[in-house]
């Protein structure tokens, strides 16, 4: 009695990258019809990203070349490096997803390619650091993707803070205290005048400090830094 040969099962993993497909492979393909099409799509996707990254590559500038750039040109190069970083990460993810889902593991050749992509990412990050060290405000990461790729905090990207939320209540309490003390001081016993006057002097010193902070905070809030303001040698900001 002839033995019936069972058809091979689809070798693909589902999108959770762990559950095997339960369908039968189609024809001579190692995958079912649906996953055969998906394999082709994912392969085209990472190859397209790879070609696109070749065009996006902003190259490498020396420290002196960066310092010689004007603000507008520096802004263009910074944006190009950020865009390159995110696109390289997309290629890494696409390649890894395709290999895990359709080959079960990442092969040595693919791992080598991923190492090359990571080195390119590190080069772009180094370029951004050089721009930051040169005094250009490269800005904080603007997207979730960028946030996951930045492994340093830009020195010249600190935004001026808004006035503290508790500043107004403090001022209200302080002013109310001064008014109350003013009323008391108007009719004090003679023996209490010296003590009240000393206390009032402390109150006025606190008021000066808080008002100064409030004025500076409001002025700074009204003139936020642009993405590529540059600090001159005196710590001032110029566009």
Protein backbone atom coordinates (compact mmCIF):
# COMPACT_ATOMS: atom_id res chain seq x y z
CA UNK A 1 0.00 0.00 0.00
CA UNK A 2 1.49 3.28 -1.14
CA UNK A 3 2.32 5.71 1.64
CA UNK A 4 0.79 9.15 1.27
CA UNK A 5 3.40 11.89 1.54
CA UNK A 6 2.31 14.84 3.67
CA UNK A 7 2.76 18.31 2.22
CA UNK A 8 5.23 20.57 4.01
CA UNK A 9 3.96 23.25 6.34
CA UNK A 10 4.55 26.94 5.64
CA UNK A 11 7.89 27.97 7.19
CA UNK A 12 6.87 31.57 7.96
CA UNK A 13 6.19 32.98 11.40
CA UNK A 14 3.19 35.19 12.06
CA UNK A 15 3.63 38.89 12.83
CA UNK A 16 4.29 38.19 16.50
CA UNK A 17 7.55 36.62 15.21
CA UNK A 18 7.06 33.49 17.31
CA UNK A 19 3.91 31.64 16.15
CA UNK A 20 4.43 29.31 13.13
CA UNK A 21 1.98 29.53 10.26
CA UNK A 22 -0.41 26.54 10.31
CA UNK A 23 -1.08 26.51 6.56
CA UNK A 24 0.42 24.24 3.92
CA UNK A 25 3.22 25.54 1.69
CA UNK A 26 2.13 26.39 -1.85
CA UNK A 27 3.72 24.33 -4.63
CA UNK A 28 7.52 24.37 -4.48
CA UNK A 29 7.58 27.48 -2.27
CA UNK A 30 8.52 27.07 1.40
CA UNK A 31 5.62 29.41 2.25
CA UNK A 32 1.87 29.43 1.85
CA UNK A 33 0.35 31.70 -0.78
CA UNK A 34 -0.26 34.59 1.64
CA UNK A 35 3.18 34.49 3.23
CA UNK A 36 4.89 34.03 -0.10
CA UNK A 37 3.45 37.38 -1.17
CA UNK A 38 4.35 38.97 2.16
CA UNK A 39 7.92 37.71 1.86
CA UNK A 40 8.26 39.39 -1.51
CA UNK A 41 6.83 42.67 -0.17
CA UNK A 42 9.14 42.78 2.87
CA UNK A 43 12.16 41.95 0.74
CA UNK A 44 11.38 44.77 -1.68
CA UNK A 45 10.82 47.10 1.28
CA UNK A 46 14.24 46.70 2.88
CA UNK A 47 15.99 46.79 -0.50
CA UNK A 48 14.20 50.04 -1.31
CA UNK A 49 15.20 51.48 2.08
CA UNK A 50 18.79 50.42 1.47
CA UNK A 51 18.90 52.19 -1.89
CA UNK A 52 17.25 55.26 -0.38
CA UNK A 53 19.82 55.38 2.43
CA UNK A 54 22.58 55.48 -0.15
CA UNK A 55 21.04 58.70 -1.48
CA UNK A 56 20.33 60.16 1.98
CA UNK A 57 23.90 59.69 3.24
CA UNK A 58 25.04 63.23 4.16
CA UNK A 59 28.71 62.24 4.31
CA UNK A 60 31.21 63.20 6.97
CA UNK A 61 32.50 66.66 7.87
CA UNK A 62 35.55 67.41 9.98
CA UNK A 63 35.36 69.52 13.12
CA UNK A 64 36.91 72.49 11.29
CA UNK A 65 34.55 72.13 8.33
CA UNK A 66 31.58 72.18 10.70
CA UNK A 67 32.82 75.30 12.49
CA UNK A 68 33.17 77.06 9.14
CA UNK A 69 29.48 76.57 8.21
CA UNK A 70 26.94 79.36 8.51
CA UNK A 71 23.73 78.79 10.44
CA UNK A 72 21.50 77.96 7.46
CA UNK A 73 23.94 75.42 6.04
CA UNK A 74 24.49 73.86 9.47
CA UNK A 75 20.73 73.51 9.89
CA UNK A 76 20.49 71.70 6.55
CA UNK A 77 23.27 69.24 7.43
CA UNK A 78 21.85 68.59 10.92
CA UNK A 79 18.43 67.77 9.45
CA UNK A 80 20.07 65.49 6.88
CA UNK A 81 21.89 63.53 9.60
CA UNK A 82 18.73 63.18 11.68
CA UNK A 83 16.76 61.96 8.67
CA UNK A 84 19.57 59.53 7.84
CA UNK A 85 19.57 58.13 11.38
CA UNK A 86 15.85 57.36 11.31
CA UNK A 87 15.99 55.86 7.82
CA UNK A 88 18.91 53.59 8.76
CA UNK A 89 16.93 52.35 11.75
CA UNK A 90 13.95 51.60 9.48
CA UNK A 91 16.21 49.51 7.25
CA UNK A 92 17.62 47.62 10.25
CA UNK A 93 14.12 46.81 11.47
CA UNK A 94 12.87 45.78 8.02
CA UNK A 95 15.82 43.45 7.42
CA UNK A 96 15.57 41.89 10.88
CA UNK A 97 11.80 41.36 10.62
CA UNK A 98 12.11 39.72 7.20
CA UNK A 99 14.86 37.35 8.31
CA UNK A 100 13.27 36.29 11.60
CA UNK A 101 9.82 35.69 10.12
CA UNK A 102 10.90 33.86 6.98
CA UNK A 103 14.21 32.21 7.90
CA UNK A 104 13.70 31.61 11.62
CA UNK A 105 16.92 33.36 12.61
CA UNK A 106 19.31 36.11 11.57
CA UNK A 107 22.09 34.55 9.49
CA UNK A 108 25.77 35.62 9.75
CA UNK A 109 25.68 37.55 6.48
CA UNK A 110 22.68 39.53 7.64
CA UNK A 111 24.30 40.19 11.03
CA UNK A 112 27.34 41.58 9.25
CA UNK A 113 25.13 43.92 7.25
CA UNK A 114 23.41 45.11 10.41
CA UNK A 115 26.84 45.91 11.90
CA UNK A 116 27.57 48.12 8.89
CA UNK A 117 24.27 49.95 9.34
CA UNK A 118 24.98 50.49 13.05
CA UNK A 119 28.39 51.97 12.23
CA UNK A 120 26.72 54.38 9.81
CA UNK A 121 24.27 55.37 12.54
CA UNK A 122 27.14 55.97 14.95
CA UNK A 123 28.87 58.15 12.38
CA UNK A 124 25.74 60.29 11.99
CA UNK A 125 25.43 60.60 15.78
CA UNK A 126 29.08 61.65 15.99
CA UNK A 127 28.41 64.33 13.39
CA UNK A 128 25.52 65.68 15.47
CA UNK A 129 27.77 65.76 18.54
CA UNK A 130 30.36 67.78 16.62
CA UNK A 131 27.70 70.30 15.58
CA UNK A 132 26.60 70.54 19.20
CA UNK A 133 30.18 71.04 20.42
CA UNK A 134 30.71 73.72 17.76
CA UNK A 135 27.95 75.78 19.37
CA UNK A 136 25.10 74.97 16.99
CA UNK A 137 21.77 74.17 18.62
CA UNK A 138 20.89 70.85 17.00
CA UNK A 139 17.59 70.72 18.89
CA UNK A 140 16.15 67.85 20.92
CA UNK A 141 14.86 64.67 19.24
CA UNK A 142 11.59 65.64 17.49
CA UNK A 143 10.08 62.20 17.00
CA UNK A 144 9.74 58.95 18.91
CA UNK A 145 12.13 57.35 16.44
CA UNK A 146 14.76 60.02 17.03
CA UNK A 147 14.36 59.76 20.80
CA UNK A 148 15.22 56.08 20.65
CA UNK A 149 18.34 56.75 18.58
CA UNK A 150 19.86 59.72 20.42
CA UNK A 151 22.34 58.46 23.00
CA UNK A 152 23.45 61.89 24.21
CA UNK A 153 21.85 65.09 25.45
CA UNK A 154 22.70 68.10 23.26
CA UNK A 155 24.43 70.80 25.31
CA UNK A 156 23.09 73.68 23.23
CA UNK A 157 19.53 72.33 22.98
CA UNK A 158 18.18 73.33 26.38
CA UNK A 159 14.96 75.28 26.03
CA UNK A 160 14.30 78.13 28.41
CA UNK A 161 11.76 77.02 31.01
CA UNK A 162 8.33 78.49 31.51
CA UNK A 163 7.77 80.39 34.78
CA UNK A 164 7.25 77.98 37.65
CA UNK A 165 3.63 77.07 38.38
CA UNK A 166 4.04 77.86 42.07
CA UNK A 167 5.50 81.33 41.51
CA UNK A 168 2.18 83.23 41.52
CA UNK A 169 0.91 81.62 44.76
CA UNK A 170 4.21 82.53 46.42
CA UNK A 171 3.87 86.13 45.31
CA UNK A 172 0.28 86.31 46.57
CA UNK A 173 1.29 84.97 49.99
CA UNK A 174 4.25 87.33 50.19
CA UNK A 175 2.29 90.44 49.20
CA UNK A 176 -0.51 89.54 51.63
CA UNK A 177 2.05 89.15 54.41
CA UNK A 178 3.56 92.55 53.64
CA UNK A 179 0.16 94.24 53.74
CA UNK A 180 -0.69 92.54 57.04
CA UNK A 181 2.65 93.48 58.54
CA UNK A 182 2.24 97.03 57.33
CA UNK A 183 -0.99 97.33 59.26
CA UNK A 184 0.59 95.86 62.39
CA UNK A 185 3.63 98.09 62.16
CA UNK A 186 1.41 101.16 62.00
CA UNK A 187 0.33 100.61 65.63
CA UNK A 188 3.01 98.52 67.37
CA UNK A 189 4.00 98.57 71.04
CA UNK A 190 7.29 100.43 71.40
CA UNK A 191 9.15 97.33 72.56
CA UNK A 192 8.12 95.39 69.39
CA UNK A 193 9.19 97.98 66.80
CA UNK A 194 12.80 96.76 66.47
CA UNK A 195 11.76 93.13 66.03
CA UNK A 196 9.09 93.96 63.44
CA UNK A 197 11.46 96.19 61.49
CA UNK A 198 14.11 93.45 61.31
CA UNK A 199 11.51 90.99 60.09
CA UNK A 200 10.27 93.42 57.44
CA UNK A 201 13.80 93.80 56.10
CA UNK A 202 13.97 90.04 55.56
CA UNK A 203 10.58 90.08 53.83
CA UNK A 204 11.71 92.79 51.42
CA UNK A 205 14.87 90.83 50.59
CA UNK A 206 12.71 87.81 49.69
CA UNK A 207 10.45 89.98 47.57
CA UNK A 208 13.39 91.30 45.58
CA UNK A 209 14.64 87.80 44.81
CA UNK A 210 11.25 86.45 43.76
CA UNK A 211 10.40 89.46 41.60
CA UNK A 212 13.79 89.23 39.90
CA UNK A 213 13.18 85.57 39.12
CA UNK A 214 9.69 86.33 37.80
CA UNK A 215 10.92 89.09 35.48
CA UNK A 216 13.80 87.00 34.09
CA UNK A 217 11.51 84.00 33.54
CA UNK A 218 8.92 86.06 31.69
CA UNK A 219 11.54 87.70 29.46
CA UNK A 220 13.12 84.36 28.62
CA UNK A 221 9.74 82.78 27.93
CA UNK A 222 8.97 85.55 25.50
CA UNK A 223 12.06 84.92 23.37
CA UNK A 224 12.58 81.14 22.91
CA UNK A 225 15.61 79.82 21.07
CA UNK A 226 15.33 78.85 17.45
CA UNK A 227 16.50 75.44 16.28
CA UNK A 228 19.93 76.70 15.37
CA UNK A 229 20.75 79.73 17.46
CA UNK A 230 24.46 80.01 18.05
CA UNK A 231 26.18 80.98 21.29
CA UNK A 232 28.97 83.53 20.96
CA UNK A 233 32.01 83.73 23.20
CA UNK A 234 30.19 85.80 25.81
CA UNK A 235 27.37 83.32 26.41
CA UNK A 236 24.84 85.42 24.47
CA UNK A 237 22.61 83.90 21.79
CA UNK A 238 22.50 85.18 18.27
CA UNK A 239 20.60 83.95 15.22
